[in-house]
C-alpha cells in the first residue's frame, strides 16, 4: 500500500474505518480521509492524514477529494438496528454509495474496496432498514463492477475490538454484558471477528481480490449464550442464565418502540431484533481464506481487546 499516491478512506472516524486507516498507515500509505462535519474525530488521534470535510453523498466534493487517488476504501455507513425514519439511512448507505462509485469512475481510480455486510447476503431475509439499505447499496456496487469499475466487495460479519467509540450495537451489547446488565437473553447465533482482522481483510481485498467478487470477512461462529458466557468470563462476572422465548416478547418490543418514538432514545428491544434472532447469523470465510490469504483469530481475543479498550477509555466502569 505504500507509494506516493494517496489512498482515500470514507468512514475513517468510525469503528471499522479507523481500523482500516490505521492498518494502511502501518503499511506506509498516504491517507486522505473523508470526514463529515459533525463526526467525532477521536479515532483519528495520532494518524497523519489529509482530512477532507464533506458528506459521502456529495458527488462534486467526492470527485475533487479523489483527485490523484489510486485506491478508495468506502467504509462509511449508517449502522443502527432501529431508526424512526429509514429515509436518512437509505440516503447515506445507498445514495452515498452510488455517489462514491460515480466519483471513483470520474476520478479514474484503480481499485475501490466497498465495505458491505453479511447482512446483505440473503435477499430473502432483509429484516429492518439496515439490512435493506446494505443489500441495495451492495447492488449498486455490483452494478458498477459489471459496468467496468474496478470494485471489490467485502462483507464483514460482527466486528468486535478496540476503537468502538459510539459504540456500535454490537459494542453496546458487549459493554452491557461486561457490566452485568443483561440478565436474560433470546438465543440466536452470530459470527464474531476481531476488528483488526477485518481491517487486514480490506487490505488483502485491495491487493488480491477479484473485481466484482464478494468476500466474507468473518471469525468464529458462536451462539449468543456462548458469547455472553465468554464476555462474562473475561469481565469476571457470572453469565446470564435466563433464556427467554421470542413470542411473548413481541408486545414488549411494540411498547419499547412506541416509547422510543416519544423520547428519541434507541429502544432496548424491537420487533426487528426479535425477528433477526430467529435466524442464526453463522458464516464461513473460506473464500477469503483461499483467495486472499485472510485469517482470523479466536473470538476470545476480540473480546479481551474490546474490554481492555473500553476500560482504558473509561467506558467500562
C-alpha atoms as a PDB file:
ATOM      1  CA  UNK A   1       0.000   0.000   0.000  1.00  0.00           C
ATOM      2  CA  UNK A   2       2.946   2.326   0.281  1.00  0.00           C
ATOM      3  CA  UNK A   3       3.500   4.767  -2.528  1.00  0.00           C
ATOM      4  CA  UNK A   4       3.206   8.407  -3.494  1.00  0.00           C
ATOM      5  CA  UNK A   5      -0.478   8.367  -4.463  1.00  0.00           C
ATOM      6  CA  UNK A   6      -2.893   8.970  -1.594  1.00  0.00           C
ATOM      7  CA  UNK A   7      -5.415   6.347  -0.503  1.00  0.00           C
ATOM      8  CA  UNK A   8      -8.909   7.653   0.191  1.00  0.00           C
ATOM      9  CA  UNK A   9     -10.948   6.248   3.096  1.00  0.00           C
ATOM     10  CA  UNK A  10     -14.538   7.141   3.940  1.00  0.00           C
ATOM     11  CA  UNK A  11     -15.860   6.437   7.417  1.00  0.00           C
ATOM     12  CA  UNK A  12     -12.402   6.665   8.981  1.00  0.00           C
ATOM     13  CA  UNK A  13     -13.747   8.135  12.227  1.00  0.00           C
ATOM     14  CA  UNK A  14     -15.857   5.010  12.747  1.00  0.00           C
ATOM     15  CA  UNK A  15     -15.097   1.606  14.170  1.00  0.00           C
ATOM     16  CA  UNK A  16     -14.107  -0.397  11.081  1.00  0.00           C
ATOM     17  CA  UNK A  17     -12.968   2.647   9.111  1.00  0.00           C
ATOM     18  CA  UNK A  18     -10.459   3.730  11.737  1.00  0.00           C
ATOM     19  CA  UNK A  19      -9.074   0.195  11.954  1.00  0.00           C
ATOM     20  CA  UNK A  20      -8.569   0.185   8.179  1.00  0.00           C
ATOM     21  CA  UNK A  21      -6.962   3.637   8.279  1.00  0.00           C
ATOM     22  CA  UNK A  22      -4.523   2.504  10.978  1.00  0.00           C
ATOM     23  CA  UNK A  23      -3.682  -0.652   9.016  1.00  0.00           C
ATOM     24  CA  UNK A  24      -2.988   1.442   5.919  1.00  0.00           C
ATOM     25  CA  UNK A  25      -0.822   3.838   7.922  1.00  0.00           C
ATOM     26  CA  UNK A  26       1.262   0.949   9.228  1.00  0.00           C
ATOM     27  CA  UNK A  27       1.958  -0.022   5.627  1.00  0.00           C
ATOM     28  CA  UNK A  28       3.121   3.493   4.804  1.00  0.00           C
ATOM     29  CA  UNK A  29       0.086   4.657   2.832  1.00  0.00           C
ATOM     30  CA  UNK A  30      -0.593   8.354   2.353  1.00  0.00           C
ATOM     31  CA  UNK A  31      -4.042   8.795   3.864  1.00  0.00           C
ATOM     32  CA  UNK A  32      -6.798  11.065   2.666  1.00  0.00           C
ATOM     33  CA  UNK A  33      -9.814  10.758   4.929  1.00  0.00           C
ATOM     34  CA  UNK A  34     -13.340  11.951   4.228  1.00  0.00           C
ATOM     35  CA  UNK A  35     -14.918  13.191   7.444  1.00  0.00           C
ATOM     36  CA  UNK A  36     -18.421  14.537   7.961  1.00  0.00           C
ATOM     37  CA  UNK A  37     -18.610  17.979   9.603  1.00  0.00           C
ATOM     38  CA  UNK A  38     -20.307  16.515  12.696  1.00  0.00           C
ATOM     39  CA  UNK A  39     -18.080  13.435  13.087  1.00  0.00           C
ATOM     40  CA  UNK A  40     -16.258  12.711  16.335  1.00  0.00           C
ATOM     41  CA  UNK A  41     -12.557  12.581  15.377  1.00  0.00           C
ATOM     42  CA  UNK A  42     -11.422  10.711  18.476  1.00  0.00           C
ATOM     43  CA  UNK A  43     -10.402   7.681  16.386  1.00  0.00           C
ATOM     44  CA  UNK A  44      -8.093   9.786  14.214  1.00  0.00           C
ATOM     45  CA  UNK A  45      -5.738  10.689  17.070  1.00  0.00           C
ATOM     46  CA  UNK A  46      -2.136  10.026  16.061  1.00  0.00           C
ATOM     47  CA  UNK A  47      -2.942   9.417  12.393  1.00  0.00           C
ATOM     48  CA  UNK A  48      -1.080  11.504   9.846  1.00  0.00           C
ATOM     49  CA  UNK A  49      -3.620  12.220   7.134  1.00  0.00           C
ATOM     50  CA  UNK A  50      -5.204  14.811   4.885  1.00  0.00           C
ATOM     51  CA  UNK A  51      -8.723  15.481   6.180  1.00  0.00           C
ATOM     52  CA  UNK A  52     -11.474  16.354   3.719  1.00  0.00           C
ATOM     53  CA  UNK A  53     -14.670  17.679   5.289  1.00  0.00           C
ATOM     54  CA  UNK A  54     -17.694  16.649   3.218  1.00  0.00           C
ATOM     55  CA  UNK A  55     -20.642  14.267   3.076  1.00  0.00           C
ATOM     56  CA  UNK A  56     -20.466  10.955   1.244  1.00  0.00           C
ATOM     57  CA  UNK A  57     -23.451  11.761  -0.991  1.00  0.00           C
ATOM     58  CA  UNK A  58     -21.950  14.998  -2.384  1.00  0.00           C
ATOM     59  CA  UNK A  59     -20.780  13.910  -5.845  1.00  0.00           C
ATOM     60  CA  UNK A  60     -18.860  17.072  -6.724  1.00  0.00           C
ATOM     61  CA  UNK A  61     -16.946  17.146  -3.441  1.00  0.00           C
ATOM     62  CA  UNK A  62     -16.224  13.421  -3.613  1.00  0.00           C
ATOM     63  CA  UNK A  63     -14.810  13.724  -7.119  1.00  0.00           C
ATOM     64  CA  UNK A  64     -12.465  16.522  -6.036  1.00  0.00           C
ATOM     65  CA  UNK A  65     -11.447  14.562  -2.939  1.00  0.00           C
ATOM     66  CA  UNK A  66     -10.425  11.581  -5.098  1.00  0.00           C
ATOM     67  CA  UNK A  67      -8.153  13.584  -7.372  1.00  0.00           C
ATOM     68  CA  UNK A  68      -4.825  11.760  -7.615  1.00  0.00           C
ATOM     69  CA  UNK A  69      -6.002   8.769  -5.550  1.00  0.00           C
ATOM     70  CA  UNK A  70      -5.128   5.298  -6.801  1.00  0.00           C
ATOM     71  CA  UNK A  71      -7.293   3.410  -4.329  1.00  0.00           C
ATOM     72  CA  UNK A  72     -10.526   4.079  -2.441  1.00  0.00           C
ATOM     73  CA  UNK A  73     -11.979   2.295   0.604  1.00  0.00           C
ATOM     74  CA  UNK A  74     -15.669   3.118   1.023  1.00  0.00           C
ATOM     75  CA  UNK A  75     -16.488   2.159   4.606  1.00  0.00           C
ATOM     76  CA  UNK A  76     -18.818   4.943   5.727  1.00  0.00           C
ATOM     77  CA  UNK A  77     -22.307   3.737   6.643  1.00  0.00           C
ATOM     78  CA  UNK A  78     -25.180   4.389   8.992  1.00  0.00           C
ATOM     79  CA  UNK A  79     -25.166   1.310  11.244  1.00  0.00           C
ATOM     80  CA  UNK A  80     -28.176   1.252  13.540  1.00  0.00           C
ATOM     81  CA  UNK A  81     -30.557  -1.611  14.156  1.00  0.00           C
ATOM     82  CA  UNK A  82     -33.524   0.722  14.715  1.00  0.00           C
ATOM     83  CA  UNK A  83     -34.351   4.060  13.130  1.00  0.00           C
ATOM     84  CA  UNK A  84     -37.613   6.001  13.442  1.00  0.00           C
ATOM     85  CA  UNK A  85     -37.287   7.146   9.815  1.00  0.00           C
ATOM     86  CA  UNK A  86     -35.403   4.829   7.416  1.00  0.00           C
ATOM     87  CA  UNK A  87     -35.123   7.510   4.710  1.00  0.00           C
ATOM     88  CA  UNK A  88     -31.966   9.070   6.161  1.00  0.00           C
ATOM     89  CA  UNK A  89     -30.299   5.655   6.450  1.00  0.00           C
ATOM     90  CA  UNK A  90     -31.202   4.822   2.857  1.00  0.00           C
ATOM     91  CA  UNK A  91     -29.769   8.134   1.705  1.00  0.00           C
ATOM     92  CA  UNK A  92     -26.468   7.575   3.493  1.00  0.00           C
ATOM     93  CA  UNK A  93     -25.984   3.893   2.726  1.00  0.00           C
ATOM     94  CA  UNK A  94     -27.478   3.612  -0.768  1.00  0.00           C
ATOM     95  CA  UNK A  95     -27.263   7.034  -2.380  1.00  0.00           C
ATOM     96  CA  UNK A  96     -23.954   7.706  -0.648  1.00  0.00           C
ATOM     97  CA  UNK A  97     -22.543   4.542  -2.204  1.00  0.00           C
ATOM     98  CA  UNK A  98     -23.906   5.499  -5.619  1.00  0.00           C
ATOM     99  CA  UNK A  99     -22.278   8.938  -5.425  1.00  0.00           C
ATOM    100  CA  UNK A 100     -18.993   7.414  -4.250  1.00  0.00           C
ATOM    101  CA  UNK A 101     -18.920   4.965  -7.170  1.00  0.00           C
ATOM    102  CA  UNK A 102     -19.724   7.699  -9.684  1.00  0.00           C
ATOM    103  CA  UNK A 103     -16.950   9.870  -8.260  1.00  0.00           C
ATOM    104  CA  UNK A 104     -14.482   6.967  -8.396  1.00  0.00           C
ATOM    105  CA  UNK A 105     -15.325   6.410 -12.049  1.00  0.00           C
ATOM    106  CA  UNK A 106     -14.856  10.098 -12.823  1.00  0.00           C
ATOM    107  CA  UNK A 107     -11.534  10.174 -10.957  1.00  0.00           C
ATOM    108  CA  UNK A 108     -10.243   7.050 -12.699  1.00  0.00           C
ATOM    109  CA  UNK A 109      -9.205   5.205  -9.538  1.00  0.00           C
ATOM    110  CA  UNK A 110      -7.539   1.801  -9.952  1.00  0.00           C
ATOM    111  CA  UNK A 111      -9.434  -0.035  -7.213  1.00  0.00           C
ATOM    112  CA  UNK A 112     -12.461   0.517  -4.975  1.00  0.00           C
ATOM    113  CA  UNK A 113     -12.998  -1.680  -1.923  1.00  0.00           C
ATOM    114  CA  UNK A 114     -16.612  -1.423  -0.825  1.00  0.00           C
ATOM    115  CA  UNK A 115     -17.497  -2.436   2.729  1.00  0.00           C
ATOM    116  CA  UNK A 116     -20.811  -4.231   2.658  1.00  0.00           C
ATOM    117  CA  UNK A 117     -22.022  -6.582   5.404  1.00  0.00           C
ATOM    118  CA  UNK A 118     -23.073 -10.179   5.894  1.00  0.00           C
ATOM    119  CA  UNK A 119     -26.483  -8.574   6.490  1.00  0.00           C
ATOM    120  CA  UNK A 120     -26.700  -8.076   2.719  1.00  0.00           C
ATOM    121  CA  UNK A 121     -26.059 -11.684   1.714  1.00  0.00           C
ATOM    122  CA  UNK A 122     -29.584 -13.101   1.996  1.00  0.00           C
ATOM    123  CA  UNK A 123     -32.142 -11.205  -0.126  1.00  0.00           C
ATOM    124  CA  UNK A 124     -34.948 -13.338   1.339  1.00  0.00           C
ATOM    125  CA  UNK A 125     -34.183 -12.248   4.891  1.00  0.00           C
ATOM    126  CA  UNK A 126     -33.799  -8.467   4.760  1.00  0.00           C
ATOM    127  CA  UNK A 127     -35.255  -7.652   8.156  1.00  0.00           C
ATOM    128  CA  UNK A 128     -35.039  -3.988   9.076  1.00  0.00           C
ATOM    129  CA  UNK A 129     -33.859  -0.806   7.418  1.00  0.00           C
ATOM    130  CA  UNK A 130     -30.159  -1.505   7.933  1.00  0.00           C
ATOM    131  CA  UNK A 131     -30.210  -4.874   6.156  1.00  0.00           C
ATOM    132  CA  UNK A 132     -32.324  -3.474   3.318  1.00  0.00           C
ATOM    133  CA  UNK A 133     -30.043  -0.474   2.884  1.00  0.00           C
ATOM    134  CA  UNK A 134     -26.869  -2.576   2.838  1.00  0.00           C
ATOM    135  CA  UNK A 135     -28.376  -5.001   0.333  1.00  0.00           C
ATOM    136  CA  UNK A 136     -29.392  -2.164  -2.002  1.00  0.00           C
ATOM    137  CA  UNK A 137     -26.012  -0.453  -1.601  1.00  0.00           C
ATOM    138  CA  UNK A 138     -24.235  -3.689  -2.441  1.00  0.00           C
ATOM    139  CA  UNK A 139     -26.351  -3.993  -5.585  1.00  0.00           C
ATOM    140  CA  UNK A 140     -25.114  -0.539  -6.597  1.00  0.00           C
ATOM    141  CA  UNK A 141     -21.513  -1.696  -6.124  1.00  0.00           C
ATOM    142  CA  UNK A 142     -22.126  -4.876  -8.137  1.00  0.00           C
ATOM    143  CA  UNK A 143     -23.760  -2.905 -10.941  1.00  0.00           C
ATOM    144  CA  UNK A 144     -20.763  -0.584 -11.091  1.00  0.00           C
ATOM    145  CA  UNK A 145     -18.402  -3.565 -11.201  1.00  0.00           C
ATOM    146  CA  UNK A 146     -20.369  -5.072 -14.097  1.00  0.00           C
ATOM    147  CA  UNK A 147     -20.125  -1.715 -15.851  1.00  0.00           C
ATOM    148  CA  UNK A 148     -16.327  -1.770 -15.598  1.00  0.00           C
ATOM    149  CA  UNK A 149     -15.495  -0.001 -12.348  1.00  0.00           C
ATOM    150  CA  UNK A 150     -12.775  -1.993 -10.510  1.00  0.00           C
ATOM    151  CA  UNK A 151     -14.818  -2.743  -7.370  1.00  0.00           C
ATOM    152  CA  UNK A 152     -14.140  -5.500  -4.835  1.00  0.00           C
ATOM    153  CA  UNK A 153     -16.720  -6.101  -2.077  1.00  0.00           C
ATOM    154  CA  UNK A 154     -16.026  -7.259   1.461  1.00  0.00           C
ATOM    155  CA  UNK A 155     -18.738  -8.473   3.836  1.00  0.00           C
ATOM    156  CA  UNK A 156     -17.628  -8.235   7.488  1.00  0.00           C
ATOM    157  CA  UNK A 157     -19.606 -10.289   9.993  1.00  0.00           C
ATOM    158  CA  UNK A 158     -19.758  -8.909  13.569  1.00  0.00           C
ATOM    159  CA  UNK A 159     -16.618  -6.899  14.371  1.00  0.00           C
ATOM    160  CA  UNK A 160     -15.505  -6.544  17.988  1.00  0.00           C
ATOM    161  CA  UNK A 161     -12.383  -4.888  19.372  1.00  0.00           C
ATOM    162  CA  UNK A 162     -10.729  -1.556  20.174  1.00  0.00           C
ATOM    163  CA  UNK A 163     -11.909   1.748  18.742  1.00  0.00           C
ATOM    164  CA  UNK A 164     -15.678   1.273  19.057  1.00  0.00           C
ATOM    165  CA  UNK A 165     -16.274   4.855  20.121  1.00  0.00           C
ATOM    166  CA  UNK A 166     -20.051   5.203  19.685  1.00  0.00           C
ATOM    167  CA  UNK A 167     -20.279   2.212  20.399  1.00  0.00           C
ATOM    168  CA  UNK A 168     -21.897   0.146  17.639  1.00  0.00           C
ATOM    169  CA  UNK A 169     -24.944  -2.003  18.531  1.00  0.00           C
ATOM    170  CA  UNK A 170     -22.603  -4.979  18.964  1.00  0.00           C
ATOM    171  CA  UNK A 171     -20.189  -2.961  21.090  1.00  0.00           C
ATOM    172  CA  UNK A 172     -23.087  -1.801  23.250  1.00  0.00           C
ATOM    173  CA  UNK A 173     -24.095  -5.418  23.818  1.00  0.00           C
ATOM    174  CA  UNK A 174     -20.523  -6.339  24.782  1.00  0.00           C
ATOM    175  CA  UNK A 175     -20.390  -3.403  27.212  1.00  0.00           C
ATOM    176  CA  UNK A 176     -23.757  -4.222  28.766  1.00  0.00           C
ATOM    177  CA  UNK A 177     -22.799  -7.879  29.175  1.00  0.00           C
ATOM    178  CA  UNK A 178     -19.484  -6.926  30.798  1.00  0.00           C
ATOM    179  CA  UNK A 179     -21.340  -4.634  33.206  1.00  0.00           C
ATOM    180  CA  UNK A 180     -23.787  -7.373  34.146  1.00  0.00           C
ATOM    181  CA  UNK A 181     -26.709  -5.512  32.575  1.00  0.00           C
ATOM    182  CA  UNK A 182     -28.020  -8.421  30.508  1.00  0.00           C
ATOM    183  CA  UNK A 183     -29.897 -10.604  32.997  1.00  0.00           C
ATOM    184  CA  UNK A 184     -31.657 -12.634  30.283  1.00  0.00           C
ATOM    185  CA  UNK A 185     -31.343 -13.283  26.581  1.00  0.00           C
ATOM    186  CA  UNK A 186     -33.070 -14.615  23.477  1.00  0.00           C
ATOM    187  CA  UNK A 187     -30.961 -17.368  21.946  1.00  0.00           C
ATOM    188  CA  UNK A 188     -29.531 -16.776  18.493  1.00  0.00           C
ATOM    189  CA  UNK A 189     -26.161 -17.097  16.790  1.00  0.00           C
ATOM    190  CA  UNK A 190     -23.605 -14.743  15.290  1.00  0.00           C
ATOM    191  CA  UNK A 191     -20.134 -14.707  13.814  1.00  0.00           C
ATOM    192  CA  UNK A 192     -17.625 -12.693  15.885  1.00  0.00           C
ATOM    193  CA  UNK A 193     -14.454 -11.291  14.327  1.00  0.00           C
ATOM    194  CA  UNK A 194     -11.674  -9.045  15.624  1.00  0.00           C
ATOM    195  CA  UNK A 195     -11.946  -5.617  14.003  1.00  0.00           C
ATOM    196  CA  UNK A 196      -8.220  -5.653  13.171  1.00  0.00           C
ATOM    197  CA  UNK A 197      -8.692  -8.883  11.216  1.00  0.00           C
ATOM    198  CA  UNK A 198     -11.487  -7.189   9.281  1.00  0.00           C
ATOM    199  CA  UNK A 199      -9.108  -4.301   8.560  1.00  0.00           C
ATOM    200  CA  UNK A 200      -6.415  -6.693   7.355  1.00  0.00           C
ATOM    201  CA  UNK A 201      -9.014  -8.339   5.126  1.00  0.00           C
ATOM    202  CA  UNK A 202      -9.755  -4.993   3.493  1.00  0.00           C
ATOM    203  CA  UNK A 203      -6.116  -4.550   2.533  1.00  0.00           C
ATOM    204  CA  UNK A 204      -5.930  -8.099   1.212  1.00  0.00           C
ATOM    205  CA  UNK A 205      -9.042  -7.498  -0.872  1.00  0.00           C
ATOM    206  CA  UNK A 206      -7.461  -4.382  -2.340  1.00  0.00           C
ATOM    207  CA  UNK A 207      -4.322  -6.309  -3.303  1.00  0.00           C
ATOM    208  CA  UNK A 208      -5.686  -9.723  -4.294  1.00  0.00           C
ATOM    209  CA  UNK A 209      -9.459  -9.524  -4.623  1.00  0.00           C
ATOM    210  CA  UNK A 210     -11.146 -10.224  -7.935  1.00  0.00           C
ATOM    211  CA  UNK A 211     -13.205  -7.393  -9.393  1.00  0.00           C
ATOM    212  CA  UNK A 212     -16.929  -7.867  -8.868  1.00  0.00           C
ATOM    213  CA  UNK A 213     -16.450 -10.567  -6.212  1.00  0.00           C
ATOM    214  CA  UNK A 214     -17.662 -10.615  -2.597  1.00  0.00           C
ATOM    215  CA  UNK A 215     -15.555 -11.849   0.319  1.00  0.00           C
ATOM    216  CA  UNK A 216     -16.918 -12.627   3.778  1.00  0.00           C
ATOM    217  CA  UNK A 217     -14.558 -11.348   6.475  1.00  0.00           C
ATOM    218  CA  UNK A 218     -15.657 -13.351   9.483  1.00  0.00           C
ATOM    219  CA  UNK A 219     -14.302 -15.115  12.510  1.00  0.00           C
ATOM    220  CA  UNK A 220     -15.845 -17.578  14.943  1.00  0.00           C
ATOM    221  CA  UNK A 221     -19.471 -18.769  14.961  1.00  0.00           C
ATOM    222  CA  UNK A 222     -20.962 -18.592  18.462  1.00  0.00           C
ATOM    223  CA  UNK A 223     -24.382 -18.945  19.982  1.00  0.00           C
ATOM    224  CA  UNK A 224     -25.427 -15.814  21.864  1.00  0.00           C
ATOM    225  CA  UNK A 225     -25.372 -17.756  25.134  1.00  0.00           C
ATOM    226  CA  UNK A 226     -21.780 -18.836  24.451  1.00  0.00           C
ATOM    227  CA  UNK A 227     -20.770 -15.277  23.569  1.00  0.00           C
ATOM    228  CA  UNK A 228     -22.376 -13.846  26.707  1.00  0.00           C
ATOM    229  CA  UNK A 229     -20.615 -16.508  28.787  1.00  0.00           C
ATOM    230  CA  UNK A 230     -17.302 -15.598  27.165  1.00  0.00           C
ATOM    231  CA  UNK A 231     -17.790 -11.888  27.854  1.00  0.00           C
ATOM    232  CA  UNK A 232     -18.762 -12.627  31.450  1.00  0.00           C
ATOM    233  CA  UNK A 233     -15.702 -14.802  31.941  1.00  0.00           C
ATOM    234  CA  UNK A 234     -13.321 -12.147  30.599  1.00  0.00           C
ATOM    235  CA  UNK A 235     -15.061  -9.443  32.662  1.00  0.00           C
ATOM    236  CA  UNK A 236     -15.069 -11.572  35.833  1.00  0.00           C
ATOM    237  CA  UNK A 237     -18.857 -11.831  36.096  1.00  0.00           C
ATOM    238  CA  UNK A 238     -21.464 -14.567  36.083  1.00  0.00           C
ATOM    239  CA  UNK A 239     -23.213 -15.058  32.741  1.00  0.00           C
ATOM    240  CA  UNK A 240     -26.989 -14.682  32.375  1.00  0.00           C
ATOM    241  CA  UNK A 241     -28.880 -17.920  32.916  1.00  0.00           C
ATOM    242  CA  UNK A 242     -32.407 -16.956  31.855  1.00  0.00           C
ATOM    243  CA  UNK A 243     -33.304 -17.805  28.269  1.00  0.00           C
ATOM    244  CA  UNK A 244     -36.457 -16.069  27.035  1.00  0.00           C
ATOM    245  CA  UNK A 245     -38.882 -17.218  24.315  1.00  0.00           C
ATOM    246  CA  UNK A 246     -39.416 -14.837  21.411  1.00  0.00           C
ATOM    247  CA  UNK A 247     -43.217 -14.890  21.129  1.00  0.00           C
ATOM    248  CA  UNK A 248     -44.168 -13.308  24.493  1.00  0.00           C
ATOM    249  CA  UNK A 249     -41.612 -10.536  23.943  1.00  0.00           C
ATOM    250  CA  UNK A 250     -43.344  -9.114  20.851  1.00  0.00           C
ATOM    251  CA  UNK A 251     -45.789  -6.912  22.850  1.00  0.00           C
ATOM    252  CA  UNK A 252     -42.851  -5.717  24.953  1.00  0.00           C
ATOM    253  CA  UNK A 253     -40.990  -4.753  21.766  1.00  0.00           C
ATOM    254  CA  UNK A 254     -44.016  -2.858  20.454  1.00  0.00           C
ATOM    255  CA  UNK A 255     -44.158  -0.883  23.692  1.00  0.00           C
ATOM    256  CA  UNK A 256     -40.427  -0.189  23.581  1.00  0.00           C
ATOM    257  CA  UNK A 257     -40.704   1.130  20.014  1.00  0.00           C
ATOM    258  CA  UNK A 258     -43.633   3.356  20.968  1.00  0.00           C
ATOM    259  CA  UNK A 259     -41.704   4.770  23.928  1.00  0.00           C
ATOM    260  CA  UNK A 260     -38.625   5.306  21.736  1.00  0.00           C
ATOM    261  CA  UNK A 261     -40.630   7.378  19.265  1.00  0.00           C
ATOM    262  CA  UNK A 262     -41.790   9.588  22.114  1.00  0.00           C
ATOM    263  CA  UNK A 263     -38.381  10.035  23.726  1.00  0.00           C
ATOM    264  CA  UNK A 264     -35.981   9.751  20.781  1.00  0.00           C
ATOM    265  CA  UNK A 265     -33.993   7.075  22.609  1.00  0.00           C
ATOM    266  CA  UNK A 266     -32.968   3.803  20.993  1.00  0.00           C
ATOM    267  CA  UNK A 267     -35.238   1.006  22.224  1.00  0.00           C
ATOM    268  CA  UNK A 268     -33.620  -1.900  24.042  1.00  0.00           C
ATOM    269  CA  UNK A 269     -35.875  -4.311  22.161  1.00  0.00           C
ATOM    270  CA  UNK A 270     -37.643  -4.124  18.787  1.00  0.00           C
ATOM    271  CA  UNK A 271     -39.754  -6.416  16.644  1.00  0.00           C
ATOM    272  CA  UNK A 272     -36.965  -6.409  14.054  1.00  0.00           C
ATOM    273  CA  UNK A 273     -34.314  -7.582  16.510  1.00  0.00           C
ATOM    274  CA  UNK A 274     -36.651 -10.354  17.650  1.00  0.00           C
ATOM    275  CA  UNK A 275     -37.218 -11.389  14.041  1.00  0.00           C
ATOM    276  CA  UNK A 276     -33.459 -11.383  13.398  1.00  0.00           C
ATOM    277  CA  UNK A 277     -32.910 -13.558  16.466  1.00  0.00           C
ATOM    278  CA  UNK A 278     -34.863 -16.351  14.781  1.00  0.00           C
ATOM    279  CA  UNK A 279     -32.048 -16.720  12.221  1.00  0.00           C
ATOM    280  CA  UNK A 280     -28.544 -17.692  13.335  1.00  0.00           C
ATOM    281  CA  UNK A 281     -26.032 -15.448  11.571  1.00  0.00           C
ATOM    282  CA  UNK A 282     -23.346 -18.104  11.043  1.00  0.00           C
ATOM    283  CA  UNK A 283     -20.894 -17.648   8.157  1.00  0.00           C
ATOM    284  CA  UNK A 284     -17.736 -19.042   6.620  1.00  0.00           C
ATOM    285  CA  UNK A 285     -14.718 -17.037   5.441  1.00  0.00           C
ATOM    286  CA  UNK A 286     -13.444 -19.929   3.335  1.00  0.00           C
ATOM    287  CA  UNK A 287     -13.445 -17.938   0.089  1.00  0.00           C
ATOM    288  CA  UNK A 288     -11.465 -15.061   1.613  1.00  0.00           C
ATOM    289  CA  UNK A 289      -9.048 -17.515   3.173  1.00  0.00           C
ATOM    290  CA  UNK A 290      -8.472 -19.346  -0.108  1.00  0.00           C
ATOM    291  CA  UNK A 291      -8.257 -16.346  -2.446  1.00  0.00           C
ATOM    292  CA  UNK A 292      -6.952 -13.550  -0.239  1.00  0.00           C
ATOM    293  CA  UNK A 293      -4.931 -15.362   2.407  1.00  0.00           C
ATOM    294  CA  UNK A 294      -7.299 -13.996   5.053  1.00  0.00           C
ATOM    295  CA  UNK A 295      -7.007 -15.301   8.613  1.00  0.00           C
ATOM    296  CA  UNK A 296      -8.992 -14.532  11.772  1.00  0.00           C
ATOM    297  CA  UNK A 297      -8.032 -15.011  15.405  1.00  0.00           C
ATOM    298  CA  UNK A 298     -10.324 -16.596  18.045  1.00  0.00           C
ATOM    299  CA  UNK A 299     -13.305 -14.578  19.288  1.00  0.00           C
ATOM    300  CA  UNK A 300     -11.836 -14.537  22.801  1.00  0.00           C
ATOM    301  CA  UNK A 301      -9.027 -12.245  21.651  1.00  0.00           C
ATOM    302  CA  UNK A 302     -11.548  -9.822  20.178  1.00  0.00           C
ATOM    303  CA  UNK A 303     -13.470  -9.726  23.473  1.00  0.00           C
ATOM    304  CA  UNK A 304     -10.286  -9.311  25.554  1.00  0.00           C
ATOM    305  CA  UNK A 305      -9.078  -6.415  23.378  1.00  0.00           C
ATOM    306  CA  UNK A 306     -12.507  -4.778  23.288  1.00  0.00           C
ATOM    307  CA  UNK A 307     -12.940  -4.827  27.054  1.00  0.00           C
ATOM    308  CA  UNK A 308      -9.382  -3.611  27.617  1.00  0.00           C
ATOM    309  CA  UNK A 309     -10.030  -0.664  25.290  1.00  0.00           C
ATOM    310  CA  UNK A 310     -13.432   0.136  26.830  1.00  0.00           C
ATOM    311  CA  UNK A 311     -11.830   0.055  30.279  1.00  0.00           C
ATOM    312  CA  UNK A 312      -8.914   2.295  29.230  1.00  0.00           C
ATOM    313  CA  UNK A 313     -11.381   4.786  27.717  1.00  0.00           C
ATOM    314  CA  UNK A 314     -13.453   4.926  30.880  1.00  0.00           C
ATOM    315  CA  UNK A 315     -16.456   3.352  29.186  1.00  0.00           C
ATOM    316  CA  UNK A 316     -16.402   0.196  31.331  1.00  0.00           C
ATOM    317  CA  UNK A 317     -16.879   1.024  34.995  1.00  0.00           C
END
